[in-house]
C-alpha atoms as a PDB file:
ATOM      1  CA  UNK A   1      66.828 185.272 165.972  1.00  0.00           C
ATOM      2  CA  UNK A   2      64.657 188.354 165.609  1.00  0.00           C
ATOM      3  CA  UNK A   3      61.496 189.781 167.852  1.00  0.00           C
ATOM      4  CA  UNK A   4      59.186 187.348 166.239  1.00  0.00           C
ATOM      5  CA  UNK A   5      59.413 185.147 169.197  1.00  0.00           C
ATOM      6  CA  UNK A   6      58.592 188.250 171.511  1.00  0.00           C
ATOM      7  CA  UNK A   7      55.178 189.797 172.182  1.00  0.00           C
ATOM      8  CA  UNK A   8      53.524 191.207 169.527  1.00  0.00           C
ATOM      9  CA  UNK A   9      54.767 188.583 166.742  1.00  0.00           C
ATOM     10  CA  UNK A  10      53.917 185.683 168.973  1.00  0.00           C
ATOM     11  CA  UNK A  11      50.621 186.789 169.311  1.00  0.00           C
ATOM     12  CA  UNK A  12      50.223 187.245 165.330  1.00  0.00           C
ATOM     13  CA  UNK A  13      51.418 183.748 164.246  1.00  0.00           C
ATOM     14  CA  UNK A  14      49.668 181.842 167.316  1.00  0.00           C
ATOM     15  CA  UNK A  15      46.303 182.372 165.417  1.00  0.00           C
ATOM     16  CA  UNK A  16      48.084 180.268 162.624  1.00  0.00           C
ATOM     17  CA  UNK A  17      49.162 177.528 164.542  1.00  0.00           C
ATOM     18  CA  UNK A  18      47.108 177.088 167.641  1.00  0.00           C
ATOM     19  CA  UNK A  19      45.025 174.568 165.458  1.00  0.00           C
ATOM     20  CA  UNK A  20      48.056 172.293 165.568  1.00  0.00           C
ATOM     21  CA  UNK A  21      48.052 171.365 169.456  1.00  0.00           C
ATOM     22  CA  UNK A  22      46.239 168.095 168.672  1.00  0.00           C
ATOM     23  CA  UNK A  23      48.763 166.908 166.350  1.00  0.00           C
ATOM     24  CA  UNK A  24      51.612 167.957 167.996  1.00  0.00           C
ATOM     25  CA  UNK A  25      51.158 165.113 170.472  1.00  0.00           C
ATOM     26  CA  UNK A  26      51.467 162.789 167.451  1.00  0.00           C
ATOM     27  CA  UNK A  27      54.442 164.679 165.893  1.00  0.00           C
ATOM     28  CA  UNK A  28      56.432 164.287 169.394  1.00  0.00           C
ATOM     29  CA  UNK A  29      55.990 160.427 169.309  1.00  0.00           C
ATOM     30  CA  UNK A  30      57.597 159.886 166.000  1.00  0.00           C
ATOM     31  CA  UNK A  31      60.708 158.529 165.699  1.00  0.00           C
ATOM     32  CA  UNK A  32      63.594 161.153 166.103  1.00  0.00           C
ATOM     33  CA  UNK A  33      67.363 160.784 164.407  1.00  0.00           C
ATOM     34  CA  UNK A  34      68.430 163.578 166.819  1.00  0.00           C
ATOM     35  CA  UNK A  35      66.763 161.943 170.270  1.00  0.00           C
ATOM     36  CA  UNK A  36      70.518 161.457 171.434  1.00  0.00           C
ATOM     37  CA  UNK A  37      72.119 163.983 170.201  1.00  0.00           C
ATOM     38  CA  UNK A  38      74.659 166.051 172.552  1.00  0.00           C
ATOM     39  CA  UNK A  39      73.307 169.420 172.146  1.00  0.00           C
ATOM     40  CA  UNK A  40      75.005 171.891 174.304  1.00  0.00           C
ATOM     41  CA  UNK A  41      77.351 169.510 175.834  1.00  0.00           C
ATOM     42  CA  UNK A  42      80.183 168.952 173.286  1.00  0.00           C
ATOM     43  CA  UNK A  43      83.767 169.067 174.505  1.00  0.00           C
ATOM     44  CA  UNK A  44      86.187 171.848 173.683  1.00  0.00           C
ATOM     45  CA  UNK A  45      89.851 171.307 173.902  1.00  0.00           C
ATOM     46  CA  UNK A  46      90.172 174.925 175.437  1.00  0.00           C
ATOM     47  CA  UNK A  47      87.788 177.283 177.512  1.00  0.00           C
ATOM     48  CA  UNK A  48      88.354 180.483 177.979  1.00  0.00           C
ATOM     49  CA  UNK A  49      86.757 183.763 179.185  1.00  0.00           C
ATOM     50  CA  UNK A  50      87.245 186.991 177.147  1.00  0.00           C
ATOM     51  CA  UNK A  51      86.708 190.612 179.135  1.00  0.00           C
ATOM     52  CA  UNK A  52      85.630 193.259 176.607  1.00  0.00           C
ATOM     53  CA  UNK A  53      86.317 196.735 177.030  1.00  0.00           C
ATOM     54  CA  UNK A  54      83.391 197.591 179.217  1.00  0.00           C
ATOM     55  CA  UNK A  55      83.905 194.515 181.496  1.00  0.00           C
ATOM     56  CA  UNK A  56      81.712 191.669 179.919  1.00  0.00           C
ATOM     57  CA  UNK A  57      82.961 188.669 180.204  1.00  0.00           C
ATOM     58  CA  UNK A  58      82.488 186.280 177.158  1.00  0.00           C
ATOM     59  CA  UNK A  59      82.668 182.567 177.548  1.00  0.00           C
ATOM     60  CA  UNK A  60      84.831 181.112 174.454  1.00  0.00           C
ATOM     61  CA  UNK A  61      85.619 177.446 173.547  1.00  0.00           C
ATOM     62  CA  UNK A  62      88.078 176.632 170.824  1.00  0.00           C
ATOM     63  CA  UNK A  63      88.514 173.220 169.003  1.00  0.00           C
ATOM     64  CA  UNK A  64      92.288 172.365 168.041  1.00  0.00           C
ATOM     65  CA  UNK A  65      94.750 171.583 169.662  1.00  0.00           C
ATOM     66  CA  UNK A  66      98.106 173.565 169.909  1.00  0.00           C
ATOM     67  CA  UNK A  67     101.005 172.176 167.838  1.00  0.00           C
ATOM     68  CA  UNK A  68      99.097 171.764 164.925  1.00  0.00           C
ATOM     69  CA  UNK A  69     101.416 174.382 162.784  1.00  0.00           C
ATOM     70  CA  UNK A  70      99.753 177.638 161.285  1.00  0.00           C
ATOM     71  CA  UNK A  71      95.983 176.743 161.078  1.00  0.00           C
ATOM     72  CA  UNK A  72      92.839 178.755 159.548  1.00  0.00           C
ATOM     73  CA  UNK A  73      90.993 180.376 162.472  1.00  0.00           C
ATOM     74  CA  UNK A  74      87.291 179.921 161.936  1.00  0.00           C
ATOM     75  CA  UNK A  75      85.298 181.852 164.157  1.00  0.00           C
ATOM     76  CA  UNK A  76      81.446 181.370 164.346  1.00  0.00           C
ATOM     77  CA  UNK A  77      79.105 184.118 165.442  1.00  0.00           C
ATOM     78  CA  UNK A  78      75.600 183.036 166.733  1.00  0.00           C
ATOM     79  CA  UNK A  79      72.061 184.835 166.468  1.00  0.00           C
ATOM     80  CA  UNK A  80      69.905 186.743 168.450  1.00  0.00           C
ATOM     81  CA  UNK A  81      68.305 184.754 171.463  1.00  0.00           C
ATOM     82  CA  UNK A  82      70.611 181.504 170.797  1.00  0.00           C
ATOM     83  CA  UNK A  83      74.035 180.696 171.620  1.00  0.00           C
ATOM     84  CA  UNK A  84      77.092 178.840 170.398  1.00  0.00           C
ATOM     85  CA  UNK A  85      75.045 175.922 170.462  1.00  0.00           C
ATOM     86  CA  UNK A  86      73.643 176.726 167.076  1.00  0.00           C
ATOM     87  CA  UNK A  87      76.730 175.570 165.269  1.00  0.00           C
ATOM     88  CA  UNK A  88      76.551 172.330 166.869  1.00  0.00           C
ATOM     89  CA  UNK A  89      76.654 170.288 163.868  1.00  0.00           C
ATOM     90  CA  UNK A  90      79.091 172.548 162.170  1.00  0.00           C
ATOM     91  CA  UNK A  91      81.280 172.177 164.877  1.00  0.00           C
ATOM     92  CA  UNK A  92      80.928 168.060 164.603  1.00  0.00           C
ATOM     93  CA  UNK A  93      81.283 167.976 160.878  1.00  0.00           C
ATOM     94  CA  UNK A  94      84.594 170.400 161.342  1.00  0.00           C
ATOM     95  CA  UNK A  95      86.157 168.195 163.960  1.00  0.00           C
ATOM     96  CA  UNK A  96      88.610 165.991 162.126  1.00  0.00           C
ATOM     97  CA  UNK A  97      88.734 163.717 165.009  1.00  0.00           C
ATOM     98  CA  UNK A  98      85.036 163.378 165.136  1.00  0.00           C
ATOM     99  CA  UNK A  99      84.821 163.297 161.532  1.00  0.00           C
ATOM    100  CA  UNK A 100      87.563 161.924 159.676  1.00  0.00           C
ATOM    101  CA  UNK A 101      86.138 162.793 156.321  1.00  0.00           C
ATOM    102  CA  UNK A 102      86.761 166.231 156.352  1.00  0.00           C
ATOM    103  CA  UNK A 103      90.400 165.301 156.328  1.00  0.00           C
ATOM    104  CA  UNK A 104      90.016 163.866 153.066  1.00  0.00           C
ATOM    105  CA  UNK A 105      88.344 167.035 152.074  1.00  0.00           C
ATOM    106  CA  UNK A 106      90.654 169.389 153.404  1.00  0.00           C
ATOM    107  CA  UNK A 107      93.755 167.696 152.981  1.00  0.00           C
ATOM    108  CA  UNK A 108      96.634 169.396 154.637  1.00  0.00           C
ATOM    109  CA  UNK A 109      94.355 172.340 155.656  1.00  0.00           C
ATOM    110  CA  UNK A 110      94.173 172.880 159.631  1.00  0.00           C
ATOM    111  CA  UNK A 111      91.417 174.378 161.167  1.00  0.00           C
ATOM    112  CA  UNK A 112      91.025 175.979 164.635  1.00  0.00           C
ATOM    113  CA  UNK A 113      87.367 176.227 165.272  1.00  0.00           C
ATOM    114  CA  UNK A 114      86.245 179.243 167.540  1.00  0.00           C
ATOM    115  CA  UNK A 115      82.834 179.840 169.383  1.00  0.00           C
ATOM    116  CA  UNK A 116      82.052 182.224 171.638  1.00  0.00           C
ATOM    117  CA  UNK A 117      78.560 183.372 173.505  1.00  0.00           C
ATOM    118  CA  UNK A 118      77.191 186.857 172.520  1.00  0.00           C
ATOM    119  CA  UNK A 119      76.639 189.193 175.808  1.00  0.00           C
ATOM    120  CA  UNK A 120      73.559 188.192 177.229  1.00  0.00           C
ATOM    121  CA  UNK A 121      73.275 184.916 175.780  1.00  0.00           C
ATOM    122  CA  UNK A 122      74.566 181.421 176.833  1.00  0.00           C
ATOM    123  CA  UNK A 123      77.240 181.974 179.413  1.00  0.00           C
ATOM    124  CA  UNK A 124      78.292 185.108 178.391  1.00  0.00           C
ATOM    125  CA  UNK A 125      77.584 188.088 180.920  1.00  0.00           C
ATOM    126  CA  UNK A 126      74.858 190.764 180.095  1.00  0.00           C
ATOM    127  CA  UNK A 127      75.829 194.414 179.732  1.00  0.00           C
ATOM    128  CA  UNK A 128      75.306 196.485 182.708  1.00  0.00           C
ATOM    129  CA  UNK A 129      72.571 198.578 181.491  1.00  0.00           C
ATOM    130  CA  UNK A 130      71.048 195.516 179.132  1.00  0.00           C
ATOM    131  CA  UNK A 131      71.555 198.026 176.417  1.00  0.00           C
ATOM    132  CA  UNK A 132      73.113 196.727 173.299  1.00  0.00           C
ATOM    133  CA  UNK A 133      74.361 197.501 169.754  1.00  0.00           C
ATOM    134  CA  UNK A 134      75.412 195.971 166.657  1.00  0.00           C
ATOM    135  CA  UNK A 135      78.413 198.065 166.994  1.00  0.00           C
ATOM    136  CA  UNK A 136      79.469 197.185 170.629  1.00  0.00           C
ATOM    137  CA  UNK A 137      79.055 193.487 169.200  1.00  0.00           C
ATOM    138  CA  UNK A 138      81.444 194.356 166.371  1.00  0.00           C
ATOM    139  CA  UNK A 139      83.930 195.653 169.039  1.00  0.00           C
ATOM    140  CA  UNK A 140      83.271 192.454 171.084  1.00  0.00           C
ATOM    141  CA  UNK A 141      84.164 189.877 168.457  1.00  0.00           C
ATOM    142  CA  UNK A 142      87.171 192.388 167.732  1.00  0.00           C
ATOM    143  CA  UNK A 143      88.360 191.965 171.012  1.00  0.00           C
ATOM    144  CA  UNK A 144      87.783 188.014 170.787  1.00  0.00           C
ATOM    145  CA  UNK A 145      89.908 188.117 167.574  1.00  0.00           C
ATOM    146  CA  UNK A 146      92.744 190.120 169.318  1.00  0.00           C
ATOM    147  CA  UNK A 147      92.892 187.868 172.389  1.00  0.00           C
ATOM    148  CA  UNK A 148      92.027 184.316 170.812  1.00  0.00           C
ATOM    149  CA  UNK A 149      93.117 184.463 167.288  1.00  0.00           C
ATOM    150  CA  UNK A 150      95.946 187.072 167.551  1.00  0.00           C
ATOM    151  CA  UNK A 151      97.779 185.551 164.463  1.00  0.00           C
ATOM    152  CA  UNK A 152      96.931 183.840 161.124  1.00  0.00           C
ATOM    153  CA  UNK A 153      94.467 183.850 158.855  1.00  0.00           C
ATOM    154  CA  UNK A 154      90.627 184.388 159.472  1.00  0.00           C
ATOM    155  CA  UNK A 155      87.219 182.778 158.388  1.00  0.00           C
ATOM    156  CA  UNK A 156      84.558 184.843 159.751  1.00  0.00           C
ATOM    157  CA  UNK A 157      81.118 182.718 159.730  1.00  0.00           C
ATOM    158  CA  UNK A 158      77.606 184.533 160.896  1.00  0.00           C
ATOM    159  CA  UNK A 159      74.151 183.268 161.585  1.00  0.00           C
ATOM    160  CA  UNK A 160      71.654 185.477 161.728  1.00  0.00           C
ATOM    161  CA  UNK A 161      72.512 188.413 164.083  1.00  0.00           C
ATOM    162  CA  UNK A 162      75.807 187.281 163.961  1.00  0.00           C
ATOM    163  CA  UNK A 163      75.974 187.956 160.068  1.00  0.00           C
ATOM    164  CA  UNK A 164      74.985 191.410 161.216  1.00  0.00           C
ATOM    165  CA  UNK A 165      77.756 191.191 163.607  1.00  0.00           C
ATOM    166  CA  UNK A 166      80.219 190.408 160.765  1.00  0.00           C
ATOM    167  CA  UNK A 167      78.767 193.322 158.855  1.00  0.00           C
ATOM    168  CA  UNK A 168      79.108 195.898 161.703  1.00  0.00           C
ATOM    169  CA  UNK A 169      82.833 194.798 162.350  1.00  0.00           C
ATOM    170  CA  UNK A 170      83.597 195.408 158.470  1.00  0.00           C
ATOM    171  CA  UNK A 171      81.949 198.664 158.844  1.00  0.00           C
ATOM    172  CA  UNK A 172      84.509 199.466 161.712  1.00  0.00           C
ATOM    173  CA  UNK A 173      87.420 197.625 160.701  1.00  0.00           C
ATOM    174  CA  UNK A 174      88.006 197.100 157.122  1.00  0.00           C
ATOM    175  CA  UNK A 175      91.700 196.583 157.075  1.00  0.00           C
ATOM    176  CA  UNK A 176      91.165 193.529 158.955  1.00  0.00           C
ATOM    177  CA  UNK A 177      89.376 192.370 156.364  1.00  0.00           C
ATOM    178  CA  UNK A 178      92.242 193.416 153.702  1.00  0.00           C
ATOM    179  CA  UNK A 179      95.046 191.910 155.876  1.00  0.00           C
ATOM    180  CA  UNK A 180      93.705 188.775 157.636  1.00  0.00           C
ATOM    181  CA  UNK A 181      90.096 187.742 156.776  1.00  0.00           C
ATOM    182  CA  UNK A 182      90.263 185.119 153.831  1.00  0.00           C
ATOM    183  CA  UNK A 183      86.293 184.197 153.830  1.00  0.00           C
ATOM    184  CA  UNK A 184      83.339 185.300 155.024  1.00  0.00           C
ATOM    185  CA  UNK A 185      80.074 182.824 155.849  1.00  0.00           C
ATOM    186  CA  UNK A 186      76.284 184.762 155.936  1.00  0.00           C
ATOM    187  CA  UNK A 187      74.045 182.262 156.908  1.00  0.00           C
ATOM    188  CA  UNK A 188      70.203 183.248 157.205  1.00  0.00           C
ATOM    189  CA  UNK A 189      70.685 186.944 157.877  1.00  0.00           C
ATOM    190  CA  UNK A 190      70.126 190.210 156.518  1.00  0.00           C
ATOM    191  CA  UNK A 191      71.963 193.803 155.760  1.00  0.00           C
ATOM    192  CA  UNK A 192      68.756 195.541 156.941  1.00  0.00           C
ATOM    193  CA  UNK A 193      65.561 196.842 156.971  1.00  0.00           C
ATOM    194  CA  UNK A 194      64.153 194.273 159.289  1.00  0.00           C
ATOM    195  CA  UNK A 195      61.365 196.510 160.648  1.00  0.00           C
ATOM    196  CA  UNK A 196      59.607 195.613 157.583  1.00  0.00           C
ATOM    197  CA  UNK A 197      59.525 191.888 157.665  1.00  0.00           C
ATOM    198  CA  UNK A 198      56.074 190.529 157.933  1.00  0.00           C
ATOM    199  CA  UNK A 199      57.215 187.747 160.100  1.00  0.00           C
ATOM    200  CA  UNK A 200      54.136 185.710 158.615  1.00  0.00           C
ATOM    201  CA  UNK A 201      51.799 187.827 160.038  1.00  0.00           C
ATOM    202  CA  UNK A 202      48.879 190.274 157.831  1.00  0.00           C
ATOM    203  CA  UNK A 203      50.772 193.060 156.337  1.00  0.00           C
ATOM    204  CA  UNK A 204      48.456 195.595 158.433  1.00  0.00           C
ATOM    205  CA  UNK A 205      50.249 193.873 161.474  1.00  0.00           C
ATOM    206  CA  UNK A 206      53.646 194.649 160.170  1.00  0.00           C
ATOM    207  CA  UNK A 207      52.311 198.456 159.980  1.00  0.00           C
ATOM    208  CA  UNK A 208      51.132 198.315 163.425  1.00  0.00           C
ATOM    209  CA  UNK A 209      54.332 196.770 164.737  1.00  0.00           C
ATOM    210  CA  UNK A 210      56.809 199.410 163.696  1.00  0.00           C
ATOM    211  CA  UNK A 211      55.592 202.157 165.539  1.00  0.00           C
ATOM    212  CA  UNK A 212      54.696 199.982 168.604  1.00  0.00           C
ATOM    213  CA  UNK A 213      58.460 198.386 168.755  1.00  0.00           C
ATOM    214  CA  UNK A 214      59.682 201.268 170.888  1.00  0.00           C
ATOM    215  CA  UNK A 215      57.328 200.793 173.133  1.00  0.00           C
ATOM    216  CA  UNK A 216      57.079 197.448 173.359  1.00  0.00           C
ATOM    217  CA  UNK A 217      60.885 197.371 174.525  1.00  0.00           C
ATOM    218  CA  UNK A 218      60.860 199.885 176.805  1.00  0.00           C
ATOM    219  CA  UNK A 219      57.709 198.064 178.534  1.00  0.00           C
ATOM    220  CA  UNK A 220      59.733 194.728 178.663  1.00  0.00           C
ATOM    221  CA  UNK A 221      63.075 196.343 180.154  1.00  0.00           C
ATOM    222  CA  UNK A 222      60.707 198.453 183.059  1.00  0.00           C
ATOM    223  CA  UNK A 223      58.442 195.322 183.758  1.00  0.00           C
ATOM    224  CA  UNK A 224      60.616 192.110 182.447  1.00  0.00           C
ATOM    225  CA  UNK A 225      58.155 189.977 184.526  1.00  0.00           C
ATOM    226  CA  UNK A 226      55.202 190.741 182.229  1.00  0.00           C
ATOM    227  CA  UNK A 227      57.068 189.768 179.389  1.00  0.00           C
ATOM    228  CA  UNK A 228      58.098 186.428 181.219  1.00  0.00           C
ATOM    229  CA  UNK A 229      54.601 185.616 181.896  1.00  0.00           C
ATOM    230  CA  UNK A 230      53.952 185.978 178.090  1.00  0.00           C
ATOM    231  CA  UNK A 231      56.751 183.546 176.934  1.00  0.00           C
ATOM    232  CA  UNK A 232      54.608 180.226 177.650  1.00  0.00           C
ATOM    233  CA  UNK A 233      57.418 178.637 178.245  1.00  0.00           C
ATOM    234  CA  UNK A 234      57.313 174.677 177.955  1.00  0.00           C
ATOM    235  CA  UNK A 235      53.929 174.857 176.675  1.00  0.00           C
ATOM    236  CA  UNK A 236      52.863 173.065 173.191  1.00  0.00           C
ATOM    237  CA  UNK A 237      52.374 176.806 171.954  1.00  0.00           C
ATOM    238  CA  UNK A 238      55.895 177.847 172.637  1.00  0.00           C
ATOM    239  CA  UNK A 239      57.036 174.602 170.837  1.00  0.00           C
ATOM    240  CA  UNK A 240      54.637 175.445 167.707  1.00  0.00           C
ATOM    241  CA  UNK A 241      56.024 179.091 167.800  1.00  0.00           C
ATOM    242  CA  UNK A 242      59.569 178.116 167.760  1.00  0.00           C
ATOM    243  CA  UNK A 243      58.783 175.537 164.798  1.00  0.00           C
ATOM    244  CA  UNK A 244      57.105 178.048 162.765  1.00  0.00           C
ATOM    245  CA  UNK A 245      59.766 180.618 162.948  1.00  0.00           C
ATOM    246  CA  UNK A 246      62.958 178.458 163.185  1.00  0.00           C
ATOM    247  CA  UNK A 247      62.013 175.520 160.559  1.00  0.00           C
ATOM    248  CA  UNK A 248      60.732 174.970 156.997  1.00  0.00           C
ATOM    249  CA  UNK A 249      60.295 171.388 156.966  1.00  0.00           C
ATOM    250  CA  UNK A 250      56.867 170.353 157.783  1.00  0.00           C
ATOM    251  CA  UNK A 251      57.988 167.724 160.260  1.00  0.00           C
ATOM    252  CA  UNK A 252      61.398 169.165 161.688  1.00  0.00           C
ATOM    253  CA  UNK A 253      63.205 166.991 164.322  1.00  0.00           C
ATOM    254  CA  UNK A 254      61.528 167.424 167.719  1.00  0.00           C
ATOM    255  CA  UNK A 255      65.018 167.235 169.654  1.00  0.00           C
ATOM    256  CA  UNK A 256      66.187 170.400 167.305  1.00  0.00           C
ATOM    257  CA  UNK A 257      63.079 172.181 167.973  1.00  0.00           C
ATOM    258  CA  UNK A 258      63.155 171.682 171.561  1.00  0.00           C
ATOM    259  CA  UNK A 259      66.726 172.638 171.723  1.00  0.00           C
ATOM    260  CA  UNK A 260      65.850 176.143 170.204  1.00  0.00           C
ATOM    261  CA  UNK A 261      63.246 176.607 172.535  1.00  0.00           C
ATOM    262  CA  UNK A 262      65.509 175.992 175.474  1.00  0.00           C
ATOM    263  CA  UNK A 263      68.088 178.461 173.654  1.00  0.00           C
ATOM    264  CA  UNK A 264      65.073 181.026 173.183  1.00  0.00           C
ATOM    265  CA  UNK A 265      64.245 180.368 176.652  1.00  0.00           C
ATOM    266  CA  UNK A 266      67.402 180.782 178.711  1.00  0.00           C
ATOM    267  CA  UNK A 267      67.679 184.664 177.071  1.00  0.00           C
ATOM    268  CA  UNK A 268      66.342 186.933 179.491  1.00  0.00           C
ATOM    269  CA  UNK A 269      63.720 189.461 178.358  1.00  0.00           C
ATOM    270  CA  UNK A 270      65.529 192.383 179.349  1.00  0.00           C
ATOM    271  CA  UNK A 271      68.421 191.099 177.119  1.00  0.00           C
ATOM    272  CA  UNK A 272      65.602 190.503 174.619  1.00  0.00           C
ATOM    273  CA  UNK A 273      64.193 194.077 174.579  1.00  0.00           C
ATOM    274  CA  UNK A 274      67.731 195.304 174.610  1.00  0.00           C
ATOM    275  CA  UNK A 275      68.604 193.981 171.411  1.00  0.00           C
ATOM    276  CA  UNK A 276      65.492 194.923 169.667  1.00  0.00           C
ATOM    277  CA  UNK A 277      66.312 198.808 168.765  1.00  0.00           C
ATOM    278  CA  UNK A 278      69.353 197.803 166.984  1.00  0.00           C
ATOM    279  CA  UNK A 279      68.070 194.931 165.106  1.00  0.00           C
ATOM    280  CA  UNK A 280      65.181 197.571 163.769  1.00  0.00           C
ATOM    281  CA  UNK A 281      67.886 199.891 162.965  1.00  0.00           C
ATOM    282  CA  UNK A 282      70.375 198.060 161.261  1.00  0.00           C
ATOM    283  CA  UNK A 283      71.207 199.204 157.799  1.00  0.00           C
ATOM    284  CA  UNK A 284      74.844 197.819 156.702  1.00  0.00           C
ATOM    285  CA  UNK A 285      74.287 197.099 152.735  1.00  0.00           C
ATOM    286  CA  UNK A 286      77.340 199.283 151.988  1.00  0.00           C
ATOM    287  CA  UNK A 287      79.591 197.401 154.412  1.00  0.00           C
ATOM    288  CA  UNK A 288      78.894 194.421 152.121  1.00  0.00           C
ATOM    289  CA  UNK A 289      81.592 195.945 149.780  1.00  0.00           C
ATOM    290  CA  UNK A 290      84.266 194.819 152.158  1.00  0.00           C
ATOM    291  CA  UNK A 291      83.666 191.343 151.364  1.00  0.00           C
ATOM    292  CA  UNK A 292      83.846 191.848 147.593  1.00  0.00           C
ATOM    293  CA  UNK A 293      87.245 190.376 147.162  1.00  0.00           C
ATOM    294  CA  UNK A 294      87.098 187.272 149.733  1.00  0.00           C
ATOM    295  CA  UNK A 295      85.661 184.106 149.528  1.00  0.00           C
ATOM    296  CA  UNK A 296      82.009 184.705 150.151  1.00  0.00           C
ATOM    297  CA  UNK A 297      79.167 182.050 150.932  1.00  0.00           C
ATOM    298  CA  UNK A 298      75.765 183.213 151.477  1.00  0.00           C
ATOM    299  CA  UNK A 299      73.008 180.355 152.724  1.00  0.00           C
ATOM    300  CA  UNK A 300      69.296 181.073 153.318  1.00  0.00           C
ATOM    301  CA  UNK A 301      66.339 178.984 153.796  1.00  0.00           C
ATOM    302  CA  UNK A 302      63.420 179.491 151.109  1.00  0.00           C
ATOM    303  CA  UNK A 303      60.890 179.066 154.169  1.00  0.00           C
ATOM    304  CA  UNK A 304      63.153 182.185 156.005  1.00  0.00           C
ATOM    305  CA  UNK A 305      59.982 184.272 158.034  1.00  0.00           C
ATOM    306  CA  UNK A 306      62.731 185.986 159.839  1.00  0.00           C
ATOM    307  CA  UNK A 307      65.220 187.144 157.443  1.00  0.00           C
ATOM    308  CA  UNK A 308      63.400 186.131 154.146  1.00  0.00           C
ATOM    309  CA  UNK A 309      64.865 185.149 150.825  1.00  0.00           C
ATOM    310  CA  UNK A 310      64.568 188.531 149.440  1.00  0.00           C
ATOM    311  CA  UNK A 311      66.882 190.063 151.749  1.00  0.00           C
ATOM    312  CA  UNK A 312      69.372 187.281 150.938  1.00  0.00           C
ATOM    313  CA  UNK A 313      69.096 187.737 147.401  1.00  0.00           C
ATOM    314  CA  UNK A 314      69.561 191.844 148.104  1.00  0.00           C
ATOM    315  CA  UNK A 315      72.633 190.543 149.887  1.00  0.00           C
ATOM    316  CA  UNK A 316      73.995 188.298 146.902  1.00  0.00           C
ATOM    317  CA  UNK A 317      73.311 191.300 144.227  1.00  0.00           C
ATOM    318  CA  UNK A 318      76.036 193.501 146.311  1.00  0.00           C
ATOM    319  CA  UNK A 319      78.338 190.380 146.041  1.00  0.00           C
ATOM    320  CA  UNK A 320      77.967 188.586 142.557  1.00  0.00           C
ATOM    321  CA  UNK A 321      81.076 186.371 142.927  1.00  0.00           C
ATOM    322  CA  UNK A 322      79.740 184.911 146.223  1.00  0.00           C
ATOM    323  CA  UNK A 323      77.771 181.371 146.393  1.00  0.00           C
ATOM    324  CA  UNK A 324      74.397 181.596 146.996  1.00  0.00           C
ATOM    325  CA  UNK A 325      72.789 178.467 148.763  1.00  0.00           C
ATOM    326  CA  UNK A 326      69.152 178.513 148.790  1.00  0.00           C
ATOM    327  CA  UNK A 327      68.072 175.470 150.665  1.00  0.00           C
ATOM    328  CA  UNK A 328      64.202 174.402 149.992  1.00  0.00           C
ATOM    329  CA  UNK A 329      62.142 173.541 153.114  1.00  0.00           C
ATOM    330  CA  UNK A 330      64.601 175.567 155.046  1.00  0.00           C
ATOM    331  CA  UNK A 331      63.681 178.063 157.826  1.00  0.00           C
ATOM    332  CA  UNK A 332      65.655 180.669 159.946  1.00  0.00           C
ATOM    333  CA  UNK A 333      67.659 177.621 161.624  1.00  0.00           C
ATOM    334  CA  UNK A 334      68.912 175.935 158.121  1.00  0.00           C
ATOM    335  CA  UNK A 335      72.242 175.092 159.675  1.00  0.00           C
ATOM    336  CA  UNK A 336      70.266 172.746 161.964  1.00  0.00           C
ATOM    337  CA  UNK A 337      67.818 171.527 160.325  1.00  0.00           C
ATOM    338  CA  UNK A 338      70.031 171.281 156.831  1.00  0.00           C
ATOM    339  CA  UNK A 339      73.021 170.763 158.564  1.00  0.00           C
ATOM    340  CA  UNK A 340      74.236 168.207 156.543  1.00  0.00           C
ATOM    341  CA  UNK A 341      73.789 170.119 152.928  1.00  0.00           C
ATOM    342  CA  UNK A 342      74.986 173.010 155.064  1.00  0.00           C
ATOM    343  CA  UNK A 343      77.982 171.412 155.901  1.00  0.00           C
ATOM    344  CA  UNK A 344      78.841 170.033 152.505  1.00  0.00           C
ATOM    345  CA  UNK A 345      78.707 173.514 150.726  1.00  0.00           C
ATOM    346  CA  UNK A 346      80.962 174.896 154.003  1.00  0.00           C
ATOM    347  CA  UNK A 347      83.564 172.128 153.785  1.00  0.00           C
ATOM    348  CA  UNK A 348      83.963 173.316 149.903  1.00  0.00           C
ATOM    349  CA  UNK A 349      84.050 177.003 150.769  1.00  0.00           C
ATOM    350  CA  UNK A 350      86.576 176.576 153.402  1.00  0.00           C
ATOM    351  CA  UNK A 351      88.670 174.879 150.988  1.00  0.00           C
ATOM    352  CA  UNK A 352      88.441 177.471 148.567  1.00  0.00           C
ATOM    353  CA  UNK A 353      89.355 180.253 151.340  1.00  0.00           C
ATOM    354  CA  UNK A 354      92.287 178.330 152.405  1.00  0.00           C
ATOM    355  CA  UNK A 355      93.276 178.136 148.313  1.00  0.00           C
ATOM    356  CA  UNK A 356      93.623 182.080 148.862  1.00  0.00           C
ATOM    357  CA  UNK A 357      96.388 181.954 152.059  1.00  0.00           C
ATOM    358  CA  UNK A 358      98.679 179.358 149.805  1.00  0.00           C
END
């Protein structure tokens, strides 16, 4: 997720949600359909460690046992401050052993699902200097593809910063997309100008945030303990902030919000600071042209405060043949919050991408 959950953004939005503390106790007591969900604990057929060129070890999990013919490799790339657990419901929906109905929808199509944690997130290493760029993330993804998916067609799915990683990969390796990639999914992401996003704050605060961001990032890098003190871990306000920036429904699942909060809190302040610069500088609208001849799915929630609908529509203008899915009451984590609808369109998208292979 973008820097909305860090420093200045948290302070600005707190004004709008602070009065909800009393109601929070009642909301958390409500019956939650996902209370028993095994977030972050799904089994894998294969667990691997991929080492990048600069020595970062990436945690990779693969679903799909060997000996299944020539499957389509579906690679999932998560967003900022999150980890592969963001794809929990997609992992369940696309595993035919867990969800037999996917066999009916995809027929003879075999899927090999590949998940990995981006550097500094989940169970992957940090970079030595805690400095990160989207170009580096594209190289990391390329290394994962080389080592885990050396052959066969590819479908690449990216959420938020993961979608930006796909754009950076397309910018650096357009031939890969011409030769092997058959489908691209861009979920709750942006082609650029994230430093102009209001994040739900008054516009004057956005204007202040832009010139202050380098100072904020530098302070968090050199004095991470100051940032950790301001994170409000486990408090009602931290819960409300996660709900406000991550979800669009009036009463989203408590379990989903808490799981998201846990992912964010597990990302160190040094790592968060190390990513802020590259996210603010991201501008890869031109790279979208690489996706023009591919089956493409673009998904957004109409209440996304981090990568707003306007950014999604701008991407769709570059890719007029893409399927554009706007989800009512969807926030930045629509793939969790409204997973059933996302998965329905995702399965249909994979079927179309597979048709391009045959």
